[in-house]
N, C-alpha and C. Protein backbone atom coordinates (compact mmCIF):
# COMPACT_ATOMS: atom_id res chain seq x y z
N MET A 1 17.57 102.38 115.84
CA MET A 1 16.82 101.48 115.00
C MET A 1 15.34 101.65 115.34
N MET A 2 14.68 102.38 114.54
CA MET A 2 13.27 102.65 114.73
C MET A 2 12.47 101.65 113.92
N GLN A 3 11.51 101.05 114.57
CA GLN A 3 10.72 100.03 113.89
C GLN A 3 9.29 100.55 113.78
N GLU A 4 8.72 100.30 112.65
CA GLU A 4 7.34 100.70 112.42
C GLU A 4 6.40 99.64 112.96
N TYR A 5 5.42 100.04 113.72
CA TYR A 5 4.42 99.12 114.25
C TYR A 5 3.09 99.44 113.63
N VAL A 6 2.95 99.07 112.38
CA VAL A 6 1.68 99.31 111.69
C VAL A 6 1.21 98.02 111.05
N ASN A 7 -0.06 97.86 110.98
CA ASN A 7 -0.68 96.70 110.35
C ASN A 7 -0.21 95.37 110.94
N PHE A 8 -0.12 95.28 112.23
CA PHE A 8 0.23 94.00 112.82
C PHE A 8 -1.00 93.25 113.32
N SER A 9 -2.18 93.80 113.13
CA SER A 9 -3.42 93.10 113.47
C SER A 9 -4.49 93.49 112.45
N SER A 10 -5.62 92.92 112.63
CA SER A 10 -6.72 93.22 111.70
C SER A 10 -7.64 94.31 112.24
N LEU A 11 -7.21 95.00 113.27
CA LEU A 11 -8.02 96.08 113.84
C LEU A 11 -7.90 97.34 112.98
N PRO A 12 -8.83 98.25 113.13
CA PRO A 12 -8.71 99.53 112.42
C PRO A 12 -7.48 100.30 112.92
N PRO A 13 -6.88 101.17 112.10
CA PRO A 13 -5.63 101.86 112.46
C PRO A 13 -5.70 102.64 113.77
N ASP A 14 -6.80 103.26 114.09
CA ASP A 14 -6.86 104.04 115.33
C ASP A 14 -6.84 103.13 116.57
N GLN A 15 -7.46 101.94 116.51
CA GLN A 15 -7.40 100.99 117.63
C GLN A 15 -6.04 100.28 117.68
N GLU A 16 -5.50 100.04 116.51
CA GLU A 16 -4.20 99.37 116.45
C GLU A 16 -3.10 100.25 117.05
N ALA A 17 -3.22 101.53 116.94
CA ALA A 17 -2.22 102.46 117.47
C ALA A 17 -2.13 102.37 118.98
N ALA A 18 -3.19 101.93 119.64
CA ALA A 18 -3.17 101.80 121.10
C ALA A 18 -2.25 100.67 121.55
N PHE A 19 -2.01 99.71 120.67
CA PHE A 19 -1.17 98.57 121.03
C PHE A 19 0.30 98.78 120.70
N VAL A 20 0.64 99.85 120.02
CA VAL A 20 2.03 100.12 119.64
C VAL A 20 2.91 100.24 120.88
N VAL A 21 2.42 100.81 121.93
CA VAL A 21 3.20 100.97 123.16
C VAL A 21 3.61 99.60 123.70
N PHE A 22 2.71 98.65 123.68
CA PHE A 22 3.01 97.31 124.19
C PHE A 22 4.01 96.57 123.29
N GLU A 23 3.88 96.75 122.00
CA GLU A 23 4.82 96.12 121.06
C GLU A 23 6.23 96.68 121.26
N ARG A 24 6.33 97.99 121.43
CA ARG A 24 7.64 98.62 121.63
C ARG A 24 8.26 98.15 122.95
N ARG A 25 7.46 98.07 123.99
CA ARG A 25 7.97 97.61 125.30
C ARG A 25 8.43 96.15 125.22
N MET A 26 7.71 95.33 124.48
CA MET A 26 8.09 93.93 124.33
C MET A 26 9.43 93.81 123.60
N ALA A 27 9.65 94.59 122.55
CA ALA A 27 10.91 94.55 121.80
C ALA A 27 12.06 95.05 122.67
N GLU A 28 11.85 96.10 123.45
CA GLU A 28 12.90 96.62 124.33
C GLU A 28 13.25 95.61 125.43
N SER A 29 12.26 94.95 125.99
CA SER A 29 12.49 93.95 127.03
C SER A 29 13.27 92.76 126.47
N GLN A 30 12.95 92.38 125.25
CA GLN A 30 13.66 91.26 124.62
C GLN A 30 15.14 91.63 124.39
N GLN A 31 15.40 92.83 123.92
CA GLN A 31 16.79 93.27 123.72
C GLN A 31 17.54 93.33 125.05
N GLN A 32 16.89 93.83 126.09
CA GLN A 32 17.53 93.91 127.39
C GLN A 32 17.81 92.50 127.94
N GLY A 33 16.91 91.57 127.74
CA GLY A 33 17.12 90.20 128.19
C GLY A 33 18.30 89.54 127.49
N PHE A 34 18.41 89.72 126.17
CA PHE A 34 19.54 89.17 125.44
C PHE A 34 20.86 89.81 125.89
N ARG A 35 20.82 91.11 126.17
CA ARG A 35 22.03 91.80 126.63
C ARG A 35 22.48 91.25 127.98
N ILE A 36 21.55 91.10 128.92
CA ILE A 36 21.88 90.58 130.25
C ILE A 36 22.38 89.13 130.14
N ALA A 37 21.74 88.33 129.31
CA ALA A 37 22.17 86.94 129.14
C ALA A 37 23.58 86.87 128.55
N GLY A 38 23.89 87.74 127.61
CA GLY A 38 25.24 87.75 127.03
C GLY A 38 26.30 88.13 128.03
N ILE A 39 26.01 89.15 128.85
CA ILE A 39 26.96 89.59 129.87
C ILE A 39 27.19 88.49 130.91
N LEU A 40 26.12 87.87 131.39
CA LEU A 40 26.25 86.82 132.39
C LEU A 40 26.96 85.57 131.84
N SER A 41 26.70 85.24 130.59
CA SER A 41 27.40 84.09 130.02
C SER A 41 28.89 84.37 129.83
N ALA A 42 29.24 85.61 129.50
CA ALA A 42 30.66 85.97 129.39
C ALA A 42 31.35 85.90 130.75
N ILE A 43 30.68 86.37 131.80
CA ILE A 43 31.24 86.29 133.15
C ILE A 43 31.41 84.83 133.57
N THR A 44 30.43 84.00 133.27
CA THR A 44 30.53 82.58 133.60
C THR A 44 31.67 81.91 132.86
N LEU A 45 31.87 82.27 131.61
CA LEU A 45 32.97 81.71 130.82
C LEU A 45 34.32 82.11 131.42
N VAL A 46 34.46 83.37 131.83
CA VAL A 46 35.73 83.82 132.42
C VAL A 46 36.00 83.07 133.73
N ILE A 47 35.00 82.90 134.56
CA ILE A 47 35.18 82.17 135.82
C ILE A 47 35.54 80.71 135.55
N ALA A 48 34.86 80.07 134.59
CA ALA A 48 35.16 78.68 134.28
C ALA A 48 36.57 78.52 133.74
N LEU A 49 37.02 79.44 132.89
CA LEU A 49 38.39 79.36 132.37
C LEU A 49 39.41 79.59 133.49
N PHE A 50 39.11 80.50 134.41
CA PHE A 50 40.01 80.73 135.54
C PHE A 50 40.14 79.47 136.39
N VAL A 51 39.03 78.82 136.67
CA VAL A 51 39.07 77.61 137.48
C VAL A 51 39.82 76.51 136.74
N TYR A 52 39.58 76.37 135.45
CA TYR A 52 40.20 75.29 134.67
C TYR A 52 41.71 75.48 134.56
N PHE A 53 42.14 76.69 134.26
CA PHE A 53 43.57 76.92 134.03
C PHE A 53 44.30 77.45 135.27
N GLY A 54 43.61 78.04 136.22
CA GLY A 54 44.27 78.70 137.33
C GLY A 54 44.38 77.89 138.59
N VAL A 55 43.57 76.88 138.78
CA VAL A 55 43.58 76.12 140.01
C VAL A 55 44.32 74.81 139.77
N GLU A 56 45.35 74.59 140.57
CA GLU A 56 46.13 73.36 140.41
C GLU A 56 45.38 72.19 141.05
N PRO A 57 45.31 71.06 140.36
CA PRO A 57 44.59 69.92 140.92
C PRO A 57 45.35 69.30 142.10
N ASP A 58 44.64 68.59 142.93
CA ASP A 58 45.21 67.94 144.11
C ASP A 58 45.93 66.67 143.65
N HIS A 59 47.21 66.54 144.00
CA HIS A 59 48.01 65.40 143.54
C HIS A 59 48.29 64.40 144.65
N ARG A 60 47.54 64.42 145.72
CA ARG A 60 47.76 63.46 146.80
C ARG A 60 47.33 62.07 146.35
N ASP A 61 48.10 61.05 146.75
CA ASP A 61 47.78 59.67 146.42
C ASP A 61 47.02 59.07 147.61
N LEU A 62 45.73 59.05 147.49
CA LEU A 62 44.90 58.57 148.59
C LEU A 62 44.91 57.05 148.69
N ALA A 63 45.34 56.35 147.65
CA ALA A 63 45.30 54.89 147.64
C ALA A 63 46.59 54.26 148.15
N LYS A 64 47.58 55.05 148.52
CA LYS A 64 48.87 54.47 148.92
C LYS A 64 48.76 53.66 150.21
N ASP A 65 47.86 54.00 151.08
CA ASP A 65 47.71 53.29 152.34
C ASP A 65 46.61 52.22 152.31
N MET A 66 46.01 52.02 151.16
CA MET A 66 44.91 51.04 151.07
C MET A 66 45.46 49.63 150.93
N ASP A 67 44.79 48.70 151.54
CA ASP A 67 45.13 47.29 151.41
C ASP A 67 44.34 46.75 150.22
N MET A 68 44.97 46.68 149.07
CA MET A 68 44.27 46.30 147.85
C MET A 68 43.83 44.84 147.87
N SER A 69 44.48 43.99 148.68
CA SER A 69 44.09 42.59 148.73
C SER A 69 42.71 42.43 149.36
N ARG A 70 42.28 43.39 150.14
CA ARG A 70 40.95 43.30 150.75
C ARG A 70 39.86 43.68 149.75
N LEU A 71 40.22 44.31 148.65
CA LEU A 71 39.22 44.75 147.68
C LEU A 71 38.95 43.70 146.62
N THR A 72 39.83 42.71 146.48
CA THR A 72 39.63 41.69 145.44
C THR A 72 38.68 40.63 145.98
N LYS A 73 37.96 39.98 145.05
CA LYS A 73 37.02 38.94 145.45
C LYS A 73 37.78 37.67 145.75
N LYS A 74 37.48 37.07 146.86
CA LYS A 74 38.07 35.80 147.23
C LYS A 74 36.95 34.79 147.40
N GLU A 75 37.32 33.50 147.27
CA GLU A 75 36.33 32.47 147.52
C GLU A 75 36.06 32.42 149.01
N ALA A 76 34.84 32.19 149.36
CA ALA A 76 34.47 32.10 150.77
C ALA A 76 35.01 30.79 151.31
N PRO A 77 35.57 30.77 152.50
CA PRO A 77 36.06 29.52 153.06
C PRO A 77 34.91 28.55 153.30
N ALA A 78 35.22 27.24 153.19
CA ALA A 78 34.19 26.22 153.39
C ALA A 78 33.72 26.29 154.84
N PRO A 79 32.44 26.14 155.06
CA PRO A 79 31.95 26.20 156.44
C PRO A 79 32.45 25.00 157.23
N THR A 80 32.81 25.23 158.46
CA THR A 80 33.29 24.15 159.31
C THR A 80 32.11 23.39 159.87
N PRO A 81 32.20 22.05 159.92
CA PRO A 81 31.06 21.28 160.47
C PRO A 81 30.94 21.55 161.97
N ALA A 82 29.72 21.53 162.43
CA ALA A 82 29.47 21.78 163.84
C ALA A 82 29.93 20.57 164.65
N ALA A 83 30.48 20.81 165.80
CA ALA A 83 30.96 19.72 166.65
C ALA A 83 29.76 18.95 167.21
N ALA A 84 29.88 17.61 167.24
CA ALA A 84 28.80 16.77 167.77
C ALA A 84 28.75 16.95 169.28
N PRO A 85 27.58 16.94 169.84
CA PRO A 85 27.47 17.06 171.30
C PRO A 85 28.14 15.86 171.98
N ALA A 86 28.71 16.08 173.12
CA ALA A 86 29.44 15.03 173.84
C ALA A 86 28.50 13.98 174.40
N ALA A 87 27.25 14.26 174.64
CA ALA A 87 26.32 13.31 175.24
C ALA A 87 25.95 12.18 174.27
N GLU A 88 26.04 12.41 172.99
CA GLU A 88 25.67 11.37 172.03
C GLU A 88 26.81 10.39 171.85
N ALA A 89 26.46 9.14 171.71
CA ALA A 89 27.46 8.10 171.47
C ALA A 89 27.74 8.06 169.98
N PRO A 90 28.96 7.76 169.59
CA PRO A 90 29.24 7.67 168.17
C PRO A 90 28.44 6.54 167.53
N ALA A 91 28.08 6.70 166.29
CA ALA A 91 27.27 5.71 165.58
C ALA A 91 28.08 4.44 165.37
N ALA A 92 27.42 3.32 165.49
CA ALA A 92 28.10 2.02 165.33
C ALA A 92 28.34 1.78 163.84
N PRO A 93 29.47 1.15 163.49
CA PRO A 93 29.71 0.85 162.08
C PRO A 93 28.66 -0.11 161.55
N ALA A 94 28.51 -0.20 160.26
CA ALA A 94 27.48 -1.03 159.63
C ALA A 94 27.71 -2.51 159.89
N ALA A 95 28.94 -2.95 160.04
CA ALA A 95 29.22 -4.36 160.26
C ALA A 95 28.72 -4.81 161.62
N GLU A 96 28.72 -3.95 162.61
CA GLU A 96 28.30 -4.31 163.95
C GLU A 96 26.80 -4.13 164.16
N ALA A 97 26.11 -3.55 163.22
CA ALA A 97 24.69 -3.31 163.36
C ALA A 97 23.95 -4.64 163.37
N PRO A 98 22.92 -4.77 164.20
CA PRO A 98 22.15 -6.04 164.21
C PRO A 98 21.44 -6.23 162.89
N ALA A 99 21.31 -7.46 162.50
CA ALA A 99 20.66 -7.79 161.24
C ALA A 99 19.17 -7.54 161.36
N ALA A 100 18.58 -7.10 160.31
CA ALA A 100 17.15 -6.84 160.31
C ALA A 100 16.40 -8.16 160.26
N PRO A 101 15.30 -8.28 160.96
CA PRO A 101 14.55 -9.54 160.92
C PRO A 101 14.00 -9.78 159.53
N ALA A 102 14.08 -11.02 159.10
CA ALA A 102 13.59 -11.38 157.76
C ALA A 102 12.08 -11.41 157.79
N GLU A 103 11.50 -11.07 156.68
CA GLU A 103 10.05 -11.10 156.60
C GLU A 103 9.57 -12.54 156.48
N GLN A 104 8.43 -12.75 157.02
CA GLN A 104 7.85 -14.09 156.92
C GLN A 104 7.22 -14.23 155.55
N PRO A 105 7.33 -15.42 155.00
CA PRO A 105 6.67 -15.65 153.71
C PRO A 105 5.16 -15.47 153.84
N ALA A 106 4.52 -15.15 152.75
CA ALA A 106 3.08 -14.92 152.74
C ALA A 106 2.31 -16.17 153.13
N GLU A 107 2.87 -17.35 152.87
CA GLU A 107 2.18 -18.61 153.19
C GLU A 107 2.14 -18.84 154.69
N ALA A 108 3.15 -18.38 155.38
CA ALA A 108 3.25 -18.69 156.79
C ALA A 108 2.30 -17.85 157.64
N LYS A 109 1.76 -16.81 157.07
CA LYS A 109 0.88 -15.97 157.86
C LYS A 109 -0.44 -16.69 158.08
N GLY A 110 -0.91 -16.59 159.24
CA GLY A 110 -2.15 -17.27 159.59
C GLY A 110 -3.32 -16.34 159.58
N PRO A 111 -4.57 -17.00 159.66
CA PRO A 111 -5.79 -16.19 159.68
C PRO A 111 -6.00 -15.44 160.93
């Protein structure tokens, strides 16, 4: 497949002929790149198909020994109240508490 490289720029024909070598090299490099890419993609496809159809998957059951009850969410237990120190006396009930002193009327207050 011979390609003509004429009139690809606005230069005069004698100057344009100097660039034909570069145009030809660019076209050859592009064809070689597509060829290499096609070969490598075919090799990759063959390897992928071999792995997909040729390798048996692992059928071990890794979850058989797991305690599934530990994986579920549970409510947190209510916090236990802290024990009162032994040195403190228990609080007296309200009935045994001394009565609060009554306030004096405003009239009874002196100067």
